[in-house]
Amino acid sequence: MEKPKRKFAWVDELAKKTGEVAMEEARKHNTYIVYTDDEGQRVRAYPDGRIEVIKEGE
């Protein structure tokens, strides 16, 4: 059984593309991006692949 399509599924694609562009910019400027991961933690993702969890209040 196929999962029904969401009305605003295009938002998922836009969010994915935005994240990809942000990481490319981070590589270009040798910096990091910040986002919330699947577990709800805020993290910094560096261009070298390193991911750092941001502690509360940091």
PDB file of N, CA and C in Angstrom:
ATOM      1  N   MET A   1       0.843  -1.182   0.000  1.00  0.00           N
ATOM      2  CA  MET A   1       0.000   0.000   0.000  1.00  0.00           C
ATOM      3  C   MET A   1       0.892   1.250   0.000  1.00  0.00           C
ATOM      4  N   GLU A   2       0.585   2.165  -0.875  1.00  0.00           N
ATOM      5  CA  GLU A   2       1.365   3.386  -1.013  1.00  0.00           C
ATOM      6  C   GLU A   2       0.926   4.441  -0.015  1.00  0.00           C
ATOM      7  N   LYS A   3       1.904   5.166   0.506  1.00  0.00           N
ATOM      8  CA  LYS A   3       1.607   6.260   1.428  1.00  0.00           C
ATOM      9  C   LYS A   3       1.003   7.417   0.632  1.00  0.00           C
ATOM     10  N   PRO A   4      -0.118   7.970   1.088  1.00  0.00           N
ATOM     11  CA  PRO A   4      -0.733   9.080   0.337  1.00  0.00           C
ATOM     12  C   PRO A   4       0.171  10.306   0.338  1.00  0.00           C
ATOM     13  N   LYS A   5       0.141  11.045  -0.758  1.00  0.00           N
ATOM     14  CA  LYS A   5       0.956  12.252  -0.869  1.00  0.00           C
ATOM     15  C   LYS A   5       0.384  13.357   0.008  1.00  0.00           C
ATOM     16  N   ARG A   6       1.287  14.099   0.620  1.00  0.00           N
ATOM     17  CA  ARG A   6       0.864  15.236   1.439  1.00  0.00           C
ATOM     18  C   ARG A   6       0.536  16.412   0.540  1.00  0.00           C
ATOM     19  N   LYS A   7      -0.337  17.258   1.021  1.00  0.00           N
ATOM     20  CA  LYS A   7      -0.753  18.423   0.252  1.00  0.00           C
ATOM     21  C   LYS A   7       0.419  19.365  -0.019  1.00  0.00           C
ATOM     22  N   PHE A   8       1.289  19.515   0.964  1.00  0.00           N
ATOM     23  CA  PHE A   8       2.416  20.436   0.826  1.00  0.00           C
ATOM     24  C   PHE A   8       3.747  19.685   0.827  1.00  0.00           C
ATOM     25  N   ALA A   9       3.818  18.579   0.113  1.00  0.00           N
ATOM     26  CA  ALA A   9       5.039  17.768   0.050  1.00  0.00           C
ATOM     27  C   ALA A   9       6.204  18.553  -0.554  1.00  0.00           C
ATOM     28  N   TRP A  10       5.913  19.558  -1.361  1.00  0.00           N
ATOM     29  CA  TRP A  10       6.968  20.358  -1.973  1.00  0.00           C
ATOM     30  C   TRP A  10       7.804  21.086  -0.922  1.00  0.00           C
ATOM     31  N   VAL A  11       7.231  21.312   0.273  1.00  0.00           N
ATOM     32  CA  VAL A  11       7.970  21.980   1.338  1.00  0.00           C
ATOM     33  C   VAL A  11       9.149  21.107   1.787  1.00  0.00           C
ATOM     34  N   ASP A  12       8.951  19.789   1.809  1.00  0.00           N
ATOM     35  CA  ASP A  12      10.037  18.874   2.179  1.00  0.00           C
ATOM     36  C   ASP A  12      11.212  19.020   1.225  1.00  0.00           C
ATOM     37  N   GLU A  13      10.921  19.077  -0.063  1.00  0.00           N
ATOM     38  CA  GLU A  13      11.972  19.229  -1.072  1.00  0.00           C
ATOM     39  C   GLU A  13      12.680  20.568  -0.930  1.00  0.00           C
ATOM     40  N   LEU A  14      11.921  21.615  -0.671  1.00  0.00           N
ATOM     41  CA  LEU A  14      12.506  22.941  -0.498  1.00  0.00           C
ATOM     42  C   LEU A  14      13.415  22.979   0.734  1.00  0.00           C
ATOM     43  N   ALA A  15      12.978  22.368   1.826  1.00  0.00           N
ATOM     44  CA  ALA A  15      13.789  22.340   3.043  1.00  0.00           C
ATOM     45  C   ALA A  15      15.075  21.555   2.817  1.00  0.00           C
ATOM     46  N   LYS A  16      14.985  20.454   2.109  1.00  0.00           N
ATOM     47  CA  LYS A  16      16.165  19.637   1.817  1.00  0.00           C
ATOM     48  C   LYS A  16      17.167  20.439   0.981  1.00  0.00           C
ATOM     49  N   LYS A  17      16.670  21.104  -0.047  1.00  0.00           N
ATOM     50  CA  LYS A  17      17.527  21.890  -0.926  1.00  0.00           C
ATOM     51  C   LYS A  17      18.180  23.053  -0.164  1.00  0.00           C
ATOM     52  N   THR A  18      17.417  23.677   0.721  1.00  0.00           N
ATOM     53  CA  THR A  18      17.938  24.778   1.520  1.00  0.00           C
ATOM     54  C   THR A  18      19.089  24.302   2.401  1.00  0.00           C
ATOM     55  N   GLY A  19      18.950  23.126   3.011  1.00  0.00           N
ATOM     56  CA  GLY A  19      20.014  22.557   3.831  1.00  0.00           C
ATOM     57  C   GLY A  19      21.262  22.261   3.030  1.00  0.00           C
ATOM     58  N   GLU A  20      21.069  21.749   1.811  1.00  0.00           N
ATOM     59  CA  GLU A  20      22.212  21.450   0.941  1.00  0.00           C
ATOM     60  C   GLU A  20      22.963  22.725   0.569  1.00  0.00           C
ATOM     61  N   VAL A  21      22.222  23.765   0.249  1.00  0.00           N
ATOM     62  CA  VAL A  21      22.845  25.051  -0.104  1.00  0.00           C
ATOM     63  C   VAL A  21      23.580  25.631   1.103  1.00  0.00           C
ATOM     64  N   ALA A  22      22.987  25.512   2.282  1.00  0.00           N
ATOM     65  CA  ALA A  22      23.633  26.023   3.499  1.00  0.00           C
ATOM     66  C   ALA A  22      24.962  25.314   3.753  1.00  0.00           C
ATOM     67  N   MET A  23      25.001  24.000   3.546  1.00  0.00           N
ATOM     68  CA  MET A  23      26.252  23.269   3.779  1.00  0.00           C
ATOM     69  C   MET A  23      27.299  23.657   2.731  1.00  0.00           C
ATOM     70  N   GLU A  24      26.896  23.874   1.504  1.00  0.00           N
ATOM     71  CA  GLU A  24      27.837  24.336   0.476  1.00  0.00           C
ATOM     72  C   GLU A  24      28.418  25.696   0.849  1.00  0.00           C
ATOM     73  N   GLU A  25      27.581  26.594   1.343  1.00  0.00           N
ATOM     74  CA  GLU A  25      28.065  27.907   1.781  1.00  0.00           C
ATOM     75  C   GLU A  25      29.016  27.768   2.967  1.00  0.00           C
ATOM     76  N   ALA A  26      28.720  26.847   3.883  1.00  0.00           N
ATOM     77  CA  ALA A  26      29.591  26.618   5.036  1.00  0.00           C
ATOM     78  C   ALA A  26      30.960  26.119   4.572  1.00  0.00           C
ATOM     79  N   ARG A  27      30.976  25.226   3.582  1.00  0.00           N
ATOM     80  CA  ARG A  27      32.254  24.747   3.034  1.00  0.00           C
ATOM     81  C   ARG A  27      33.047  25.908   2.423  1.00  0.00           C
ATOM     82  N   LYS A  28      32.330  26.715   1.669  1.00  0.00           N
ATOM     83  CA  LYS A  28      32.959  27.831   0.964  1.00  0.00           C
ATOM     84  C   LYS A  28      33.584  28.834   1.943  1.00  0.00           C
ATOM     85  N   HIS A  29      32.920  29.067   3.072  1.00  0.00           N
ATOM     86  CA  HIS A  29      33.380  30.066   4.035  1.00  0.00           C
ATOM     87  C   HIS A  29      34.051  29.442   5.262  1.00  0.00           C
ATOM     88  N   ASN A  30      34.272  28.130   5.217  1.00  0.00           N
ATOM     89  CA  ASN A  30      34.941  27.395   6.290  1.00  0.00           C
ATOM     90  C   ASN A  30      34.296  27.667   7.655  1.00  0.00           C
ATOM     91  N   THR A  31      32.994  27.450   7.726  1.00  0.00           N
ATOM     92  CA  THR A  31      32.231  27.655   8.951  1.00  0.00           C
ATOM     93  C   THR A  31      31.281  26.479   9.136  1.00  0.00           C
ATOM     94  N   TYR A  32      30.296  26.583   9.985  1.00  0.00           N
ATOM     95  CA  TYR A  32      29.366  25.491  10.262  1.00  0.00           C
ATOM     96  C   TYR A  32      27.927  25.939  10.060  1.00  0.00           C
ATOM     97  N   ILE A  33      26.997  24.960  10.049  1.00  0.00           N
ATOM     98  CA  ILE A  33      25.573  25.268  10.054  1.00  0.00           C
ATOM     99  C   ILE A  33      24.984  24.712  11.345  1.00  0.00           C
ATOM    100  N   VAL A  34      23.889  25.291  11.783  1.00  0.00           N
ATOM    101  CA  VAL A  34      23.198  24.849  12.987  1.00  0.00           C
ATOM    102  C   VAL A  34      21.804  24.402  12.589  1.00  0.00           C
ATOM    103  N   TYR A  35      21.388  23.246  13.101  1.00  0.00           N
ATOM    104  CA  TYR A  35      20.043  22.755  12.836  1.00  0.00           C
ATOM    105  C   TYR A  35      19.601  21.832  13.959  1.00  0.00           C
ATOM    106  N   THR A  36      18.332  21.467  13.953  1.00  0.00           N
ATOM    107  CA  THR A  36      17.785  20.518  14.916  1.00  0.00           C
ATOM    108  C   THR A  36      17.760  19.159  14.251  1.00  0.00           C
ATOM    109  N   ASP A  37      18.369  18.159  14.900  1.00  0.00           N
ATOM    110  CA  ASP A  37      18.422  16.819  14.309  1.00  0.00           C
ATOM    111  C   ASP A  37      17.119  16.051  14.569  1.00  0.00           C
ATOM    112  N   ASP A  38      17.079  14.808  14.125  1.00  0.00           N
ATOM    113  CA  ASP A  38      15.881  13.982  14.258  1.00  0.00           C
ATOM    114  C   ASP A  38      15.507  13.696  15.710  1.00  0.00           C
ATOM    115  N   GLU A  39      16.476  13.798  16.616  1.00  0.00           N
ATOM    116  CA  GLU A  39      16.225  13.547  18.035  1.00  0.00           C
ATOM    117  C   GLU A  39      15.838  14.812  18.792  1.00  0.00           C
ATOM    118  N   GLY A  40      15.751  15.947  18.092  1.00  0.00           N
ATOM    119  CA  GLY A  40      15.354  17.204  18.710  1.00  0.00           C
ATOM    120  C   GLY A  40      16.498  17.989  19.333  1.00  0.00           C
ATOM    121  N   GLN A  41      17.729  17.540  19.122  1.00  0.00           N
ATOM    122  CA  GLN A  41      18.888  18.248  19.655  1.00  0.00           C
ATOM    123  C   GLN A  41      19.384  19.272  18.646  1.00  0.00           C
ATOM    124  N   ARG A  42      19.820  20.431  19.139  1.00  0.00           N
ATOM    125  CA  ARG A  42      20.445  21.408  18.251  1.00  0.00           C
ATOM    126  C   ARG A  42      21.896  21.011  18.072  1.00  0.00           C
ATOM    127  N   VAL A  43      22.346  21.007  16.831  1.00  0.00           N
ATOM    128  CA  VAL A  43      23.708  20.577  16.527  1.00  0.00           C
ATOM    129  C   VAL A  43      24.395  21.545  15.577  1.00  0.00           C
ATOM    130  N   ARG A  44      25.716  21.528  15.612  1.00  0.00           N
ATOM    131  CA  ARG A  44      26.541  22.236  14.628  1.00  0.00           C
ATOM    132  C   ARG A  44      27.114  21.174  13.709  1.00  0.00           C
ATOM    133  N   ALA A  45      26.985  21.366  12.421  1.00  0.00           N
ATOM    134  CA  ALA A  45      27.562  20.443  11.445  1.00  0.00           C
ATOM    135  C   ALA A  45      28.655  21.183  10.687  1.00  0.00           C
ATOM    136  N   TYR A  46      29.857  20.639  10.762  1.00  0.00           N
ATOM    137  CA  TYR A  46      31.025  21.247  10.115  1.00  0.00           C
ATOM    138  C   TYR A  46      31.249  20.615   8.746  1.00  0.00           C
ATOM    139  N   PRO A  47      31.879  21.344   7.831  1.00  0.00           N
ATOM    140  CA  PRO A  47      32.132  20.815   6.490  1.00  0.00           C
ATOM    141  C   PRO A  47      32.973  19.541   6.464  1.00  0.00           C
ATOM    142  N   ASP A  48      33.781  19.311   7.495  1.00  0.00           N
ATOM    143  CA  ASP A  48      34.619  18.101   7.530  1.00  0.00           C
ATOM    144  C   ASP A  48      33.848  16.867   8.006  1.00  0.00           C
ATOM    145  N   GLY A  49      32.540  17.033   8.269  1.00  0.00           N
ATOM    146  CA  GLY A  49      31.703  15.909   8.675  1.00  0.00           C
ATOM    147  C   GLY A  49      31.494  15.805  10.173  1.00  0.00           C
ATOM    148  N   ARG A  50      32.205  16.606  10.926  1.00  0.00           N
ATOM    149  CA  ARG A  50      32.081  16.585  12.389  1.00  0.00           C
ATOM    150  C   ARG A  50      30.740  17.194  12.793  1.00  0.00           C
ATOM    151  N   ILE A  51      30.052  16.556  13.752  1.00  0.00           N
ATOM    152  CA  ILE A  51      28.788  17.068  14.269  1.00  0.00           C
ATOM    153  C   ILE A  51      28.921  17.213  15.772  1.00  0.00           C
ATOM    154  N   GLU A  52      28.568  18.398  16.266  1.00  0.00           N
ATOM    155  CA  GLU A  52      28.721  18.753  17.673  1.00  0.00           C
ATOM    156  C   GLU A  52      27.356  19.113  18.242  1.00  0.00           C
ATOM    157  N   VAL A  53      26.956  18.472  19.341  1.00  0.00           N
ATOM    158  CA  VAL A  53      25.693  18.806  20.002  1.00  0.00           C
ATOM    159  C   VAL A  53      25.896  20.098  20.780  1.00  0.00           C
ATOM    160  N   ILE A  54      24.941  21.017  20.652  1.00  0.00           N
ATOM    161  CA  ILE A  54      25.005  22.292  21.366  1.00  0.00           C
ATOM    162  C   ILE A  54      24.292  22.116  22.698  1.00  0.00           C
ATOM    163  N   LYS A  55      25.011  22.368  23.770  1.00  0.00           N
ATOM    164  CA  LYS A  55      24.422  22.273  25.104  1.00  0.00           C
ATOM    165  C   LYS A  55      23.531  23.480  25.337  1.00  0.00           C
ATOM    166  N   GLU A  56      22.497  23.293  26.159  1.00  0.00           N
ATOM    167  CA  GLU A  56      21.571  24.371  26.459  1.00  0.00           C
ATOM    168  C   GLU A  56      22.303  25.534  27.115  1.00  0.00           C
ATOM    169  N   GLY A  57      22.004  26.732  26.665  1.00  0.00           N
ATOM    170  CA  GLY A  57      22.647  27.922  27.210  1.00  0.00           C
ATOM    171  C   GLY A  57      23.964  28.268  26.546  1.00  0.00           C
ATOM    172  N   GLU A  58      24.364  27.497  25.580  1.00  0.00           N
ATOM    173  CA  GLU A  58      25.638  27.730  24.892  1.00  0.00           C
ATOM    174  C   GLU A  58      25.455  28.667  23.729  1.00  0.00           C
TER     175      GLU A  58
END
